[in-house]
Amino acid sequence: MEYLSVIADRLNTSHGQTLLHFGPWVDIPGGYAGAKIAFNRIPDAEDF
């Protein structure tokens, strides 16, 4: 799965848009609110 994710990232980057996406394409309710502030832990890369 990690190998497929790398391929998807390379395709999307080289074409400048999302060509390949895993899972359903769903809009986030209220839109993207940006990075959240974590008061009790250091945020992981996945938090962004």
PDB file of N, CA and C in Angstrom:
ATOM      1  N   MET A   1       0.814  -1.180   0.000  1.00  0.00           N
ATOM      2  CA  MET A   1       0.000   0.000   0.000  1.00  0.00           C
ATOM      3  C   MET A   1       0.867   1.256   0.000  1.00  0.00           C
ATOM      4  N   GLU A   2       1.968   1.204   0.741  1.00  0.00           N
ATOM      5  CA  GLU A   2       2.870   2.368   0.775  1.00  0.00           C
ATOM      6  C   GLU A   2       3.453   2.627  -0.619  1.00  0.00           C
ATOM      7  N   TYR A   3       3.804   1.557  -1.325  1.00  0.00           N
ATOM      8  CA  TYR A   3       4.335   1.681  -2.681  1.00  0.00           C
ATOM      9  C   TYR A   3       3.315   2.345  -3.602  1.00  0.00           C
ATOM     10  N   LEU A   4       2.045   1.939  -3.497  1.00  0.00           N
ATOM     11  CA  LEU A   4       0.988   2.536  -4.315  1.00  0.00           C
ATOM     12  C   LEU A   4       0.771   4.004  -3.961  1.00  0.00           C
ATOM     13  N   SER A   5       0.906   4.346  -2.693  1.00  0.00           N
ATOM     14  CA  SER A   5       0.767   5.740  -2.277  1.00  0.00           C
ATOM     15  C   SER A   5       1.863   6.608  -2.878  1.00  0.00           C
ATOM     16  N   VAL A   6       3.078   6.073  -2.942  1.00  0.00           N
ATOM     17  CA  VAL A   6       4.188   6.813  -3.545  1.00  0.00           C
ATOM     18  C   VAL A   6       3.915   7.046  -5.027  1.00  0.00           C
ATOM     19  N   ILE A   7       3.426   6.039  -5.713  1.00  0.00           N
ATOM     20  CA  ILE A   7       3.103   6.185  -7.138  1.00  0.00           C
ATOM     21  C   ILE A   7       2.008   7.242  -7.321  1.00  0.00           C
ATOM     22  N   ALA A   8       0.965   7.191  -6.505  1.00  0.00           N
ATOM     23  CA  ALA A   8      -0.121   8.168  -6.599  1.00  0.00           C
ATOM     24  C   ALA A   8       0.406   9.582  -6.351  1.00  0.00           C
ATOM     25  N   ASP A   9       1.257   9.755  -5.342  1.00  0.00           N
ATOM     26  CA  ASP A   9       1.826  11.070  -5.044  1.00  0.00           C
ATOM     27  C   ASP A   9       2.651  11.590  -6.213  1.00  0.00           C
ATOM     28  N   ARG A  10       3.436  10.731  -6.827  1.00  0.00           N
ATOM     29  CA  ARG A  10       4.271  11.149  -7.969  1.00  0.00           C
ATOM     30  C   ARG A  10       3.410  11.550  -9.165  1.00  0.00           C
ATOM     31  N   LEU A  11       2.373  10.780  -9.445  1.00  0.00           N
ATOM     32  CA  LEU A  11       1.470  11.124 -10.548  1.00  0.00           C
ATOM     33  C   LEU A  11       0.774  12.457 -10.287  1.00  0.00           C
ATOM     34  N   ASN A  12       0.256  12.614  -9.094  1.00  0.00           N
ATOM     35  CA  ASN A  12      -0.453  13.840  -8.757  1.00  0.00           C
ATOM     36  C   ASN A  12       0.479  15.053  -8.789  1.00  0.00           C
ATOM     37  N   THR A  13       1.702  14.897  -8.318  1.00  0.00           N
ATOM     38  CA  THR A  13       2.657  15.996  -8.320  1.00  0.00           C
ATOM     39  C   THR A  13       3.095  16.353  -9.730  1.00  0.00           C
ATOM     40  N   SER A  14       3.365  15.349 -10.537  1.00  0.00           N
ATOM     41  CA  SER A  14       3.862  15.620 -11.888  1.00  0.00           C
ATOM     42  C   SER A  14       2.807  16.263 -12.776  1.00  0.00           C
ATOM     43  N   HIS A  15       1.535  16.014 -12.494  1.00  0.00           N
ATOM     44  CA  HIS A  15       0.461  16.587 -13.307  1.00  0.00           C
ATOM     45  C   HIS A  15      -0.180  17.812 -12.657  1.00  0.00           C
ATOM     46  N   GLY A  16       0.227  18.146 -11.449  1.00  0.00           N
ATOM     47  CA  GLY A  16      -0.254  19.345 -10.782  1.00  0.00           C
ATOM     48  C   GLY A  16      -1.710  19.305 -10.358  1.00  0.00           C
ATOM     49  N   GLN A  17      -2.283  18.131 -10.275  1.00  0.00           N
ATOM     50  CA  GLN A  17      -3.664  17.988  -9.823  1.00  0.00           C
ATOM     51  C   GLN A  17      -3.866  16.578  -9.289  1.00  0.00           C
ATOM     52  N   THR A  18      -5.006  16.338  -8.678  1.00  0.00           N
ATOM     53  CA  THR A  18      -5.298  15.020  -8.144  1.00  0.00           C
ATOM     54  C   THR A  18      -5.849  14.136  -9.254  1.00  0.00           C
ATOM     55  N   LEU A  19      -5.005  13.244  -9.750  1.00  0.00           N
ATOM     56  CA  LEU A  19      -5.420  12.285 -10.765  1.00  0.00           C
ATOM     57  C   LEU A  19      -5.830  10.967 -10.135  1.00  0.00           C
ATOM     58  N   LEU A  20      -5.165  10.620  -9.053  1.00  0.00           N
ATOM     59  CA  LEU A  20      -5.405   9.339  -8.397  1.00  0.00           C
ATOM     60  C   LEU A  20      -5.644   9.591  -6.913  1.00  0.00           C
ATOM     61  N   HIS A  21      -6.730   9.028  -6.397  1.00  0.00           N
ATOM     62  CA  HIS A  21      -7.109   9.232  -5.005  1.00  0.00           C
ATOM     63  C   HIS A  21      -7.672   7.922  -4.469  1.00  0.00           C
ATOM     64  N   PHE A  22      -7.228   7.502  -3.282  1.00  0.00           N
ATOM     65  CA  PHE A  22      -7.729   6.284  -2.658  1.00  0.00           C
ATOM     66  C   PHE A  22      -8.911   6.626  -1.763  1.00  0.00           C
ATOM     67  N   GLY A  23      -9.983   5.882  -1.878  1.00  0.00           N
ATOM     68  CA  GLY A  23     -11.146   6.087  -1.022  1.00  0.00           C
ATOM     69  C   GLY A  23     -12.143   7.052  -1.637  1.00  0.00           C
ATOM     70  N   PRO A  24     -13.235   7.273  -0.931  1.00  0.00           N
ATOM     71  CA  PRO A  24     -14.279   8.163  -1.458  1.00  0.00           C
ATOM     72  C   PRO A  24     -13.825   9.620  -1.440  1.00  0.00           C
ATOM     73  N   TRP A  25     -14.314  10.383  -2.411  1.00  0.00           N
ATOM     74  CA  TRP A  25     -14.004  11.806  -2.480  1.00  0.00           C
ATOM     75  C   TRP A  25     -15.144  12.541  -1.790  1.00  0.00           C
ATOM     76  N   VAL A  26     -14.919  12.975  -0.557  1.00  0.00           N
ATOM     77  CA  VAL A  26     -15.959  13.589   0.249  1.00  0.00           C
ATOM     78  C   VAL A  26     -15.491  14.964   0.711  1.00  0.00           C
ATOM     79  N   ASP A  27     -16.347  15.957   0.574  1.00  0.00           N
ATOM     80  CA  ASP A  27     -16.031  17.284   1.095  1.00  0.00           C
ATOM     81  C   ASP A  27     -16.127  17.275   2.612  1.00  0.00           C
ATOM     82  N   ILE A  28     -15.205  17.956   3.259  1.00  0.00           N
ATOM     83  CA  ILE A  28     -15.203  18.057   4.714  1.00  0.00           C
ATOM     84  C   ILE A  28     -16.296  19.039   5.118  1.00  0.00           C
ATOM     85  N   PRO A  29     -17.163  18.670   6.052  1.00  0.00           N
ATOM     86  CA  PRO A  29     -18.217  19.600   6.482  1.00  0.00           C
ATOM     87  C   PRO A  29     -17.611  20.910   6.995  1.00  0.00           C
ATOM     88  N   GLY A  30     -18.047  22.008   6.457  1.00  0.00           N
ATOM     89  CA  GLY A  30     -17.519  23.308   6.871  1.00  0.00           C
ATOM     90  C   GLY A  30     -16.239  23.691   6.160  1.00  0.00           C
ATOM     91  N   GLY A  31     -15.704  22.813   5.313  1.00  0.00           N
ATOM     92  CA  GLY A  31     -14.468  23.107   4.594  1.00  0.00           C
ATOM     93  C   GLY A  31     -13.236  22.863   5.436  1.00  0.00           C
ATOM     94  N   TYR A  32     -12.074  23.021   4.831  1.00  0.00           N
ATOM     95  CA  TYR A  32     -10.810  22.812   5.533  1.00  0.00           C
ATOM     96  C   TYR A  32     -10.547  23.987   6.458  1.00  0.00           C
ATOM     97  N   ALA A  33     -10.348  23.708   7.712  1.00  0.00           N
ATOM     98  CA  ALA A  33     -10.139  24.757   8.714  1.00  0.00           C
ATOM     99  C   ALA A  33      -8.665  24.975   9.015  1.00  0.00           C
ATOM    100  N   GLY A  34      -7.762  24.323   8.308  1.00  0.00           N
ATOM    101  CA  GLY A  34      -6.342  24.479   8.554  1.00  0.00           C
ATOM    102  C   GLY A  34      -5.858  23.569   9.669  1.00  0.00           C
ATOM    103  N   ALA A  35      -4.606  23.740  10.029  1.00  0.00           N
ATOM    104  CA  ALA A  35      -4.004  22.910  11.076  1.00  0.00           C
ATOM    105  C   ALA A  35      -4.616  23.250  12.432  1.00  0.00           C
ATOM    106  N   LYS A  36      -4.785  22.251  13.242  1.00  0.00           N
ATOM    107  CA  LYS A  36      -5.349  22.431  14.580  1.00  0.00           C
ATOM    108  C   LYS A  36      -4.220  22.603  15.594  1.00  0.00           C
ATOM    109  N   ILE A  37      -4.481  23.362  16.621  1.00  0.00           N
ATOM    110  CA  ILE A  37      -3.502  23.560  17.683  1.00  0.00           C
ATOM    111  C   ILE A  37      -3.642  22.417  18.688  1.00  0.00           C
ATOM    112  N   ALA A  38      -2.523  21.764  18.983  1.00  0.00           N
ATOM    113  CA  ALA A  38      -2.523  20.671  19.955  1.00  0.00           C
ATOM    114  C   ALA A  38      -1.919  21.179  21.261  1.00  0.00           C
ATOM    115  N   PHE A  39      -2.708  21.178  22.316  1.00  0.00           N
ATOM    116  CA  PHE A  39      -2.232  21.691  23.595  1.00  0.00           C
ATOM    117  C   PHE A  39      -1.601  20.615  24.470  1.00  0.00           C
ATOM    118  N   ASN A  40      -1.901  19.332  24.176  1.00  0.00           N
ATOM    119  CA  ASN A  40      -1.405  18.277  25.051  1.00  0.00           C
ATOM    120  C   ASN A  40      -0.435  17.331  24.361  1.00  0.00           C
ATOM    121  N   ARG A  41      -0.047  17.618  23.108  1.00  0.00           N
ATOM    122  CA  ARG A  41       0.909  16.747  22.414  1.00  0.00           C
ATOM    123  C   ARG A  41       1.504  17.484  21.232  1.00  0.00           C
ATOM    124  N   ILE A  42       2.599  16.937  20.702  1.00  0.00           N
ATOM    125  CA  ILE A  42       3.230  17.473  19.505  1.00  0.00           C
ATOM    126  C   ILE A  42       2.494  16.895  18.307  1.00  0.00           C
ATOM    127  N   PRO A  43       2.024  17.735  17.366  1.00  0.00           N
ATOM    128  CA  PRO A  43       1.280  17.213  16.205  1.00  0.00           C
ATOM    129  C   PRO A  43       2.152  16.340  15.310  1.00  0.00           C
ATOM    130  N   ASP A  44       1.543  15.309  14.743  1.00  0.00           N
ATOM    131  CA  ASP A  44       2.205  14.446  13.768  1.00  0.00           C
ATOM    132  C   ASP A  44       2.013  15.047  12.383  1.00  0.00           C
ATOM    133  N   ALA A  45       2.777  14.579  11.407  1.00  0.00           N
ATOM    134  CA  ALA A  45       2.639  15.052  10.032  1.00  0.00           C
ATOM    135  C   ALA A  45       1.233  14.799   9.501  1.00  0.00           C
ATOM    136  N   GLU A  46       0.583  13.713   9.923  1.00  0.00           N
ATOM    137  CA  GLU A  46      -0.761  13.382   9.476  1.00  0.00           C
ATOM    138  C   GLU A  46      -1.799  14.397   9.969  1.00  0.00           C
ATOM    139  N   ASP A  47      -1.465  15.175  10.999  1.00  0.00           N
ATOM    140  CA  ASP A  47      -2.393  16.172  11.528  1.00  0.00           C
ATOM    141  C   ASP A  47      -2.540  17.364  10.590  1.00  0.00           C
ATOM    142  N   PHE A  48      -1.616  17.483   9.643  1.00  0.00           N
ATOM    143  CA  PHE A  48      -1.658  18.610   8.718  1.00  0.00           C
ATOM    144  C   PHE A  48      -2.159  18.127   7.414  1.00  0.00           C
TER     145      PHE A  48
END
